[in-house]
Amino acid sequence: SAFLNNNKISDFVFFNISRLSKIQRSY
């Protein structure tokens, strides 16, 4: 919420770690 409700940091990408594949996490 601190990120998504602040337009000064709107250029960040969010990942939920559990939804990344093992290869993506290792990457």
PDB file of all heavy atoms in Angstrom:
ATOM      1  N   SER A   1       0.832  -1.212   0.000  1.00  0.00           N
ATOM      2  CA  SER A   1       0.000   0.000   0.000  1.00  0.00           C
ATOM      3  C   SER A   1       0.859   1.251   0.000  1.00  0.00           C
ATOM      4  O   SER A   1       0.541   2.243  -0.660  1.00  0.00           O
ATOM      5  CB  SER A   1      -0.919   0.007   1.223  1.00  0.00           C
ATOM      6  OG  SER A   1      -1.840  -1.060   1.170  1.00  0.00           O
ATOM      7  N   ALA A   2       1.977   1.215   0.736  1.00  0.00           N
ATOM      8  CA  ALA A   2       2.880   2.368   0.785  1.00  0.00           C
ATOM      9  C   ALA A   2       3.449   2.681  -0.590  1.00  0.00           C
ATOM     10  O   ALA A   2       3.671   3.840  -0.939  1.00  0.00           O
ATOM     11  CB  ALA A   2       4.007   2.104   1.783  1.00  0.00           C
ATOM     12  N   PHE A   3       3.681   1.629  -1.388  1.00  0.00           N
ATOM     13  CA  PHE A   3       4.169   1.820  -2.758  1.00  0.00           C
ATOM     14  C   PHE A   3       3.047   2.260  -3.688  1.00  0.00           C
ATOM     15  O   PHE A   3       3.153   3.260  -4.403  1.00  0.00           O
ATOM     16  CB  PHE A   3       4.781   0.515  -3.291  1.00  0.00           C
ATOM     17  CG  PHE A   3       6.250   0.391  -3.066  1.00  0.00           C
ATOM     18  CD1 PHE A   3       6.739  -0.169  -1.893  1.00  0.00           C
ATOM     19  CD2 PHE A   3       7.154   0.831  -4.014  1.00  0.00           C
ATOM     20  CE1 PHE A   3       8.096  -0.295  -1.679  1.00  0.00           C
ATOM     21  CE2 PHE A   3       8.521   0.710  -3.814  1.00  0.00           C
ATOM     22  CZ  PHE A   3       8.998   0.154  -2.632  1.00  0.00           C
ATOM     23  N   LEU A   4       1.969   1.512  -3.688  1.00  0.00           N
ATOM     24  CA  LEU A   4       0.919   1.699  -4.686  1.00  0.00           C
ATOM     25  C   LEU A   4       0.154   3.001  -4.500  1.00  0.00           C
ATOM     26  O   LEU A   4      -0.435   3.523  -5.455  1.00  0.00           O
ATOM     27  CB  LEU A   4      -0.038   0.511  -4.642  1.00  0.00           C
ATOM     28  CG  LEU A   4       0.608  -0.859  -4.938  1.00  0.00           C
ATOM     29  CD1 LEU A   4      -0.406  -1.977  -4.773  1.00  0.00           C
ATOM     30  CD2 LEU A   4       1.201  -0.885  -6.347  1.00  0.00           C
ATOM     31  N   ASN A   5       0.183   3.556  -3.290  1.00  0.00           N
ATOM     32  CA  ASN A   5      -0.535   4.803  -3.034  1.00  0.00           C
ATOM     33  C   ASN A   5       0.363   6.029  -3.115  1.00  0.00           C
ATOM     34  O   ASN A   5      -0.031   7.115  -2.703  1.00  0.00           O
ATOM     35  CB  ASN A   5      -1.205   4.753  -1.649  1.00  0.00           C
ATOM     36  CG  ASN A   5      -2.270   3.677  -1.570  1.00  0.00           C
ATOM     37  OD1 ASN A   5      -2.912   3.361  -2.563  1.00  0.00           O
ATOM     38  ND2 ASN A   5      -2.451   3.097  -0.386  1.00  0.00           N
ATOM     39  N   ASN A   6       1.564   5.853  -3.656  1.00  0.00           N
ATOM     40  CA  ASN A   6       2.502   6.970  -3.750  1.00  0.00           C
ATOM     41  C   ASN A   6       2.955   7.125  -5.196  1.00  0.00           C
ATOM     42  O   ASN A   6       3.644   6.262  -5.735  1.00  0.00           O
ATOM     43  CB  ASN A   6       3.714   6.721  -2.835  1.00  0.00           C
ATOM     44  CG  ASN A   6       4.539   7.972  -2.614  1.00  0.00           C
ATOM     45  OD1 ASN A   6       4.799   8.717  -3.551  1.00  0.00           O
ATOM     46  ND2 ASN A   6       4.930   8.200  -1.376  1.00  0.00           N
ATOM     47  N   ASN A   7       2.576   8.225  -5.835  1.00  0.00           N
ATOM     48  CA  ASN A   7       2.905   8.389  -7.258  1.00  0.00           C
ATOM     49  C   ASN A   7       4.389   8.681  -7.497  1.00  0.00           C
ATOM     50  O   ASN A   7       4.856   8.668  -8.635  1.00  0.00           O
ATOM     51  CB  ASN A   7       2.043   9.502  -7.886  1.00  0.00           C
ATOM     52  CG  ASN A   7       2.171  10.828  -7.150  1.00  0.00           C
ATOM     53  OD1 ASN A   7       3.111  11.041  -6.397  1.00  0.00           O
ATOM     54  ND2 ASN A   7       1.206  11.720  -7.388  1.00  0.00           N
ATOM     55  N   LYS A   8       5.156   8.957  -6.434  1.00  0.00           N
ATOM     56  CA  LYS A   8       6.590   9.202  -6.594  1.00  0.00           C
ATOM     57  C   LYS A   8       7.357   7.911  -6.854  1.00  0.00           C
ATOM     58  O   LYS A   8       8.509   7.954  -7.300  1.00  0.00           O
ATOM     59  CB  LYS A   8       7.148   9.892  -5.348  1.00  0.00           C
ATOM     60  CG  LYS A   8       6.684  11.329  -5.168  1.00  0.00           C
ATOM     61  CD  LYS A   8       7.378  11.963  -3.960  1.00  0.00           C
ATOM     62  CE  LYS A   8       6.952  13.417  -3.800  1.00  0.00           C
ATOM     63  NZ  LYS A   8       7.610  14.054  -2.629  1.00  0.00           N
ATOM     64  N   ILE A   9       6.756   6.783  -6.551  1.00  0.00           N
ATOM     65  CA  ILE A   9       7.436   5.500  -6.749  1.00  0.00           C
ATOM     66  C   ILE A   9       6.557   4.552  -7.566  1.00  0.00           C
ATOM     67  O   ILE A   9       6.475   3.367  -7.302  1.00  0.00           O
ATOM     68  CB  ILE A   9       7.834   4.855  -5.402  1.00  0.00           C
ATOM     69  CG1 ILE A   9       6.678   4.892  -4.400  1.00  0.00           C
ATOM     70  CG2 ILE A   9       9.058   5.515  -4.825  1.00  0.00           C
ATOM     71  CD1 ILE A   9       6.996   4.233  -3.075  1.00  0.00           C
ATOM     72  N   SER A  10       5.917   5.113  -8.554  1.00  0.00           N
ATOM     73  CA  SER A  10       4.989   4.334  -9.375  1.00  0.00           C
ATOM     74  C   SER A  10       5.688   3.490 -10.434  1.00  0.00           C
ATOM     75  O   SER A  10       5.060   2.661 -11.091  1.00  0.00           O
ATOM     76  CB  SER A  10       3.986   5.270 -10.059  1.00  0.00           C
ATOM     77  OG  SER A  10       4.673   6.210 -10.869  1.00  0.00           O
ATOM     78  N   ASP A  11       7.001   3.695 -10.630  1.00  0.00           N
ATOM     79  CA  ASP A  11       7.716   2.976 -11.686  1.00  0.00           C
ATOM     80  C   ASP A  11       8.355   1.673 -11.191  1.00  0.00           C
ATOM     81  O   ASP A  11       9.228   1.118 -11.858  1.00  0.00           O
ATOM     82  CB  ASP A  11       8.782   3.876 -12.323  1.00  0.00           C
ATOM     83  CG  ASP A  11       9.713   4.516 -11.294  1.00  0.00           C
ATOM     84  OD1 ASP A  11       9.407   4.424 -10.085  1.00  0.00           O
ATOM     85  OD2 ASP A  11      10.722   5.100 -11.701  1.00  0.00           O
ATOM     86  N   PHE A  12       7.919   1.172 -10.036  1.00  0.00           N
ATOM     87  CA  PHE A  12       8.433  -0.092  -9.517  1.00  0.00           C
ATOM     88  C   PHE A  12       7.527  -1.250  -9.951  1.00  0.00           C
ATOM     89  O   PHE A  12       6.327  -1.084 -10.113  1.00  0.00           O
ATOM     90  CB  PHE A  12       8.508  -0.071  -7.988  1.00  0.00           C
ATOM     91  CG  PHE A  12       9.727   0.625  -7.446  1.00  0.00           C
ATOM     92  CD1 PHE A  12       9.820   2.002  -7.475  1.00  0.00           C
ATOM     93  CD2 PHE A  12      10.781  -0.096  -6.925  1.00  0.00           C
ATOM     94  CE1 PHE A  12      10.936   2.655  -6.974  1.00  0.00           C
ATOM     95  CE2 PHE A  12      11.903   0.530  -6.426  1.00  0.00           C
ATOM     96  CZ  PHE A  12      11.984   1.925  -6.450  1.00  0.00           C
ATOM     97  N   VAL A  13       8.142  -2.404 -10.120  1.00  0.00           N
ATOM     98  CA  VAL A  13       7.416  -3.637 -10.435  1.00  0.00           C
ATOM     99  C   VAL A  13       7.366  -4.488  -9.169  1.00  0.00           C
ATOM    100  O   VAL A  13       8.352  -4.571  -8.425  1.00  0.00           O
ATOM    101  CB  VAL A  13       8.120  -4.420 -11.566  1.00  0.00           C
ATOM    102  CG1 VAL A  13       7.422  -5.740 -11.818  1.00  0.00           C
ATOM    103  CG2 VAL A  13       8.181  -3.584 -12.829  1.00  0.00           C
ATOM    104  N   PHE A  14       6.217  -5.122  -8.895  1.00  0.00           N
ATOM    105  CA  PHE A  14       6.091  -5.974  -7.720  1.00  0.00           C
ATOM    106  C   PHE A  14       5.974  -7.436  -8.119  1.00  0.00           C
ATOM    107  O   PHE A  14       5.264  -7.777  -9.069  1.00  0.00           O
ATOM    108  CB  PHE A  14       4.848  -5.595  -6.888  1.00  0.00           C
ATOM    109  CG  PHE A  14       4.584  -6.546  -5.752  1.00  0.00           C
ATOM    110  CD1 PHE A  14       5.354  -6.485  -4.600  1.00  0.00           C
ATOM    111  CD2 PHE A  14       3.600  -7.523  -5.849  1.00  0.00           C
ATOM    112  CE1 PHE A  14       5.134  -7.371  -3.547  1.00  0.00           C
ATOM    113  CE2 PHE A  14       3.372  -8.409  -4.807  1.00  0.00           C
ATOM    114  CZ  PHE A  14       4.143  -8.333  -3.653  1.00  0.00           C
ATOM    115  N   PHE A  15       6.680  -8.304  -7.383  1.00  0.00           N
ATOM    116  CA  PHE A  15       6.543  -9.740  -7.547  1.00  0.00           C
ATOM    117  C   PHE A  15       6.253 -10.382  -6.186  1.00  0.00           C
ATOM    118  O   PHE A  15       6.941 -10.098  -5.202  1.00  0.00           O
ATOM    119  CB  PHE A  15       7.814 -10.381  -8.117  1.00  0.00           C
ATOM    120  CG  PHE A  15       8.048 -10.095  -9.569  1.00  0.00           C
ATOM    121  CD1 PHE A  15       9.257  -9.562  -9.998  1.00  0.00           C
ATOM    122  CD2 PHE A  15       7.072 -10.360 -10.514  1.00  0.00           C
ATOM    123  CE1 PHE A  15       9.489  -9.307 -11.336  1.00  0.00           C
ATOM    124  CE2 PHE A  15       7.292 -10.099 -11.856  1.00  0.00           C
ATOM    125  CZ  PHE A  15       8.494  -9.572 -12.267  1.00  0.00           C
ATOM    126  N   ASN A  16       5.252 -11.219  -6.164  1.00  0.00           N
ATOM    127  CA  ASN A  16       5.020 -12.090  -5.019  1.00  0.00           C
ATOM    128  C   ASN A  16       5.934 -13.304  -5.206  1.00  0.00           C
ATOM    129  O   ASN A  16       5.810 -14.027  -6.204  1.00  0.00           O
ATOM    130  CB  ASN A  16       3.548 -12.522  -4.972  1.00  0.00           C
ATOM    131  CG  ASN A  16       3.206 -13.218  -3.676  1.00  0.00           C
ATOM    132  OD1 ASN A  16       3.964 -14.050  -3.193  1.00  0.00           O
ATOM    133  ND2 ASN A  16       2.054 -12.885  -3.117  1.00  0.00           N
ATOM    134  N   ILE A  17       6.853 -13.529  -4.281  1.00  0.00           N
ATOM    135  CA  ILE A  17       7.890 -14.549  -4.473  1.00  0.00           C
ATOM    136  C   ILE A  17       7.298 -15.935  -4.694  1.00  0.00           C
ATOM    137  O   ILE A  17       7.798 -16.720  -5.506  1.00  0.00           O
ATOM    138  CB  ILE A  17       8.865 -14.565  -3.277  1.00  0.00           C
ATOM    139  CG1 ILE A  17       9.468 -13.180  -3.051  1.00  0.00           C
ATOM    140  CG2 ILE A  17       9.980 -15.583  -3.502  1.00  0.00           C
ATOM    141  CD1 ILE A  17      10.203 -12.613  -4.234  1.00  0.00           C
ATOM    142  N   SER A  18       6.223 -16.251  -4.001  1.00  0.00           N
ATOM    143  CA  SER A  18       5.631 -17.585  -4.119  1.00  0.00           C
ATOM    144  C   SER A  18       5.043 -17.837  -5.508  1.00  0.00           C
ATOM    145  O   SER A  18       4.822 -18.991  -5.888  1.00  0.00           O
ATOM    146  CB  SER A  18       4.556 -17.790  -3.054  1.00  0.00           C
ATOM    147  OG  SER A  18       3.473 -16.906  -3.256  1.00  0.00           O
ATOM    148  N   ARG A  19       4.785 -16.774  -6.255  1.00  0.00           N
ATOM    149  CA  ARG A  19       4.205 -16.931  -7.586  1.00  0.00           C
ATOM    150  C   ARG A  19       5.255 -16.942  -8.698  1.00  0.00           C
ATOM    151  O   ARG A  19       4.917 -17.085  -9.871  1.00  0.00           O
ATOM    152  CB  ARG A  19       3.180 -15.820  -7.838  1.00  0.00           C
ATOM    153  CG  ARG A  19       1.978 -15.924  -6.902  1.00  0.00           C
ATOM    154  CD  ARG A  19       0.997 -14.810  -7.082  1.00  0.00           C
ATOM    155  NE  ARG A  19      -0.084 -14.897  -6.091  1.00  0.00           N
ATOM    156  CZ  ARG A  19      -1.001 -13.964  -5.905  1.00  0.00           C
ATOM    157  NH1 ARG A  19      -0.979 -12.869  -6.656  1.00  0.00           N
ATOM    158  NH2 ARG A  19      -1.925 -14.117  -4.980  1.00  0.00           N
ATOM    159  N   LEU A  20       6.495 -16.780  -8.313  1.00  0.00           N
ATOM    160  CA  LEU A  20       7.573 -16.916  -9.290  1.00  0.00           C
ATOM    161  C   LEU A  20       7.955 -18.393  -9.395  1.00  0.00           C
ATOM    162  O   LEU A  20       7.940 -19.119  -8.404  1.00  0.00           O
ATOM    163  CB  LEU A  20       8.800 -16.104  -8.862  1.00  0.00           C
ATOM    164  CG  LEU A  20       8.672 -14.581  -8.821  1.00  0.00           C
ATOM    165  CD1 LEU A  20       9.947 -13.963  -8.232  1.00  0.00           C
ATOM    166  CD2 LEU A  20       8.400 -14.006 -10.209  1.00  0.00           C
ATOM    167  N   SER A  21       8.325 -18.829 -10.589  1.00  0.00           N
ATOM    168  CA  SER A  21       8.802 -20.199 -10.753  1.00  0.00           C
ATOM    169  C   SER A  21      10.183 -20.334 -10.114  1.00  0.00           C
ATOM    170  O   SER A  21      10.854 -19.336  -9.820  1.00  0.00           O
ATOM    171  CB  SER A  21       8.887 -20.560 -12.236  1.00  0.00           C
ATOM    172  OG  SER A  21       9.922 -19.806 -12.862  1.00  0.00           O
ATOM    173  N   LYS A  22      10.616 -21.563  -9.909  1.00  0.00           N
ATOM    174  CA  LYS A  22      11.936 -21.802  -9.323  1.00  0.00           C
ATOM    175  C   LYS A  22      13.022 -21.190 -10.210  1.00  0.00           C
ATOM    176  O   LYS A  22      13.988 -20.605  -9.706  1.00  0.00           O
ATOM    177  CB  LYS A  22      12.189 -23.305  -9.160  1.00  0.00           C
ATOM    178  CG  LYS A  22      13.538 -23.615  -8.522  1.00  0.00           C
ATOM    179  CD  LYS A  22      13.750 -25.106  -8.355  1.00  0.00           C
ATOM    180  CE  LYS A  22      15.128 -25.375  -7.759  1.00  0.00           C
ATOM    181  NZ  LYS A  22      15.384 -26.831  -7.594  1.00  0.00           N
ATOM    182  N   ILE A  23      12.872 -21.306 -11.520  1.00  0.00           N
ATOM    183  CA  ILE A  23      13.851 -20.732 -12.438  1.00  0.00           C
ATOM    184  C   ILE A  23      13.868 -19.210 -12.321  1.00  0.00           C
ATOM    185  O   ILE A  23      14.934 -18.585 -12.308  1.00  0.00           O
ATOM    186  CB  ILE A  23      13.566 -21.168 -13.889  1.00  0.00           C
ATOM    187  CG1 ILE A  23      13.962 -22.637 -14.086  1.00  0.00           C
ATOM    188  CG2 ILE A  23      14.311 -20.287 -14.892  1.00  0.00           C
ATOM    189  CD1 ILE A  23      13.771 -23.159 -15.484  1.00  0.00           C
ATOM    190  N   GLN A  24      12.686 -18.590 -12.217  1.00  0.00           N
ATOM    191  CA  GLN A  24      12.630 -17.133 -12.080  1.00  0.00           C
ATOM    192  C   GLN A  24      13.265 -16.674 -10.768  1.00  0.00           C
ATOM    193  O   GLN A  24      14.012 -15.698 -10.739  1.00  0.00           O
ATOM    194  CB  GLN A  24      11.177 -16.657 -12.150  1.00  0.00           C
ATOM    195  CG  GLN A  24      10.563 -16.742 -13.533  1.00  0.00           C
ATOM    196  CD  GLN A  24       9.082 -16.415 -13.513  1.00  0.00           C
ATOM    197  OE1 GLN A  24       8.335 -16.836 -12.623  1.00  0.00           O
ATOM    198  NE2 GLN A  24       8.631 -15.663 -14.512  1.00  0.00           N
ATOM    199  N   ARG A  25      12.982 -17.406  -9.689  1.00  0.00           N
ATOM    200  CA  ARG A  25      13.582 -17.036  -8.397  1.00  0.00           C
ATOM    201  C   ARG A  25      15.106 -17.147  -8.467  1.00  0.00           C
ATOM    202  O   ARG A  25      15.827 -16.254  -8.007  1.00  0.00           O
ATOM    203  CB  ARG A  25      13.032 -17.925  -7.281  1.00  0.00           C
ATOM    204  CG  ARG A  25      11.546 -17.738  -7.011  1.00  0.00           C
ATOM    205  CD  ARG A  25      11.146 -18.351  -5.681  1.00  0.00           C
ATOM    206  NE  ARG A  25      11.367 -19.791  -5.624  1.00  0.00           N
ATOM    207  CZ  ARG A  25      10.473 -20.707  -5.971  1.00  0.00           C
ATOM    208  NH1 ARG A  25       9.281 -20.333  -6.428  1.00  0.00           N
ATOM    209  NH2 ARG A  25      10.737 -21.996  -5.853  1.00  0.00           N
ATOM    210  N   SER A  26      15.583 -18.219  -9.039  1.00  0.00           N
ATOM    211  CA  SER A  26      17.034 -18.411  -9.157  1.00  0.00           C
ATOM    212  C   SER A  26      17.659 -17.353 -10.067  1.00  0.00           C
ATOM    213  O   SER A  26      18.780 -16.895  -9.830  1.00  0.00           O
ATOM    214  CB  SER A  26      17.333 -19.811  -9.703  1.00  0.00           C
ATOM    215  OG  SER A  26      16.828 -20.806  -8.843  1.00  0.00           O
ATOM    216  N   TYR A  27      16.928 -16.962 -11.099  1.00  0.00           N
ATOM    217  CA  TYR A  27      17.385 -15.911 -12.020  1.00  0.00           C
ATOM    218  C   TYR A  27      17.611 -14.603 -11.260  1.00  0.00           C
ATOM    219  O   TYR A  27      18.652 -13.957 -11.407  1.00  0.00           O
ATOM    220  CB  TYR A  27      16.334 -15.724 -13.110  1.00  0.00           C
ATOM    221  CG  TYR A  27      16.574 -14.566 -14.060  1.00  0.00           C
ATOM    222  CD1 TYR A  27      17.439 -14.704 -15.134  1.00  0.00           C
ATOM    223  CD2 TYR A  27      15.894 -13.362 -13.895  1.00  0.00           C
ATOM    224  CE1 TYR A  27      17.640 -13.646 -16.020  1.00  0.00           C
ATOM    225  CE2 TYR A  27      16.086 -12.308 -14.780  1.00  0.00           C
ATOM    226  CZ  TYR A  27      16.959 -12.458 -15.839  1.00  0.00           C
ATOM    227  OH  TYR A  27      17.153 -11.414 -16.716  1.00  0.00           O
TER     228      TYR A  27
END
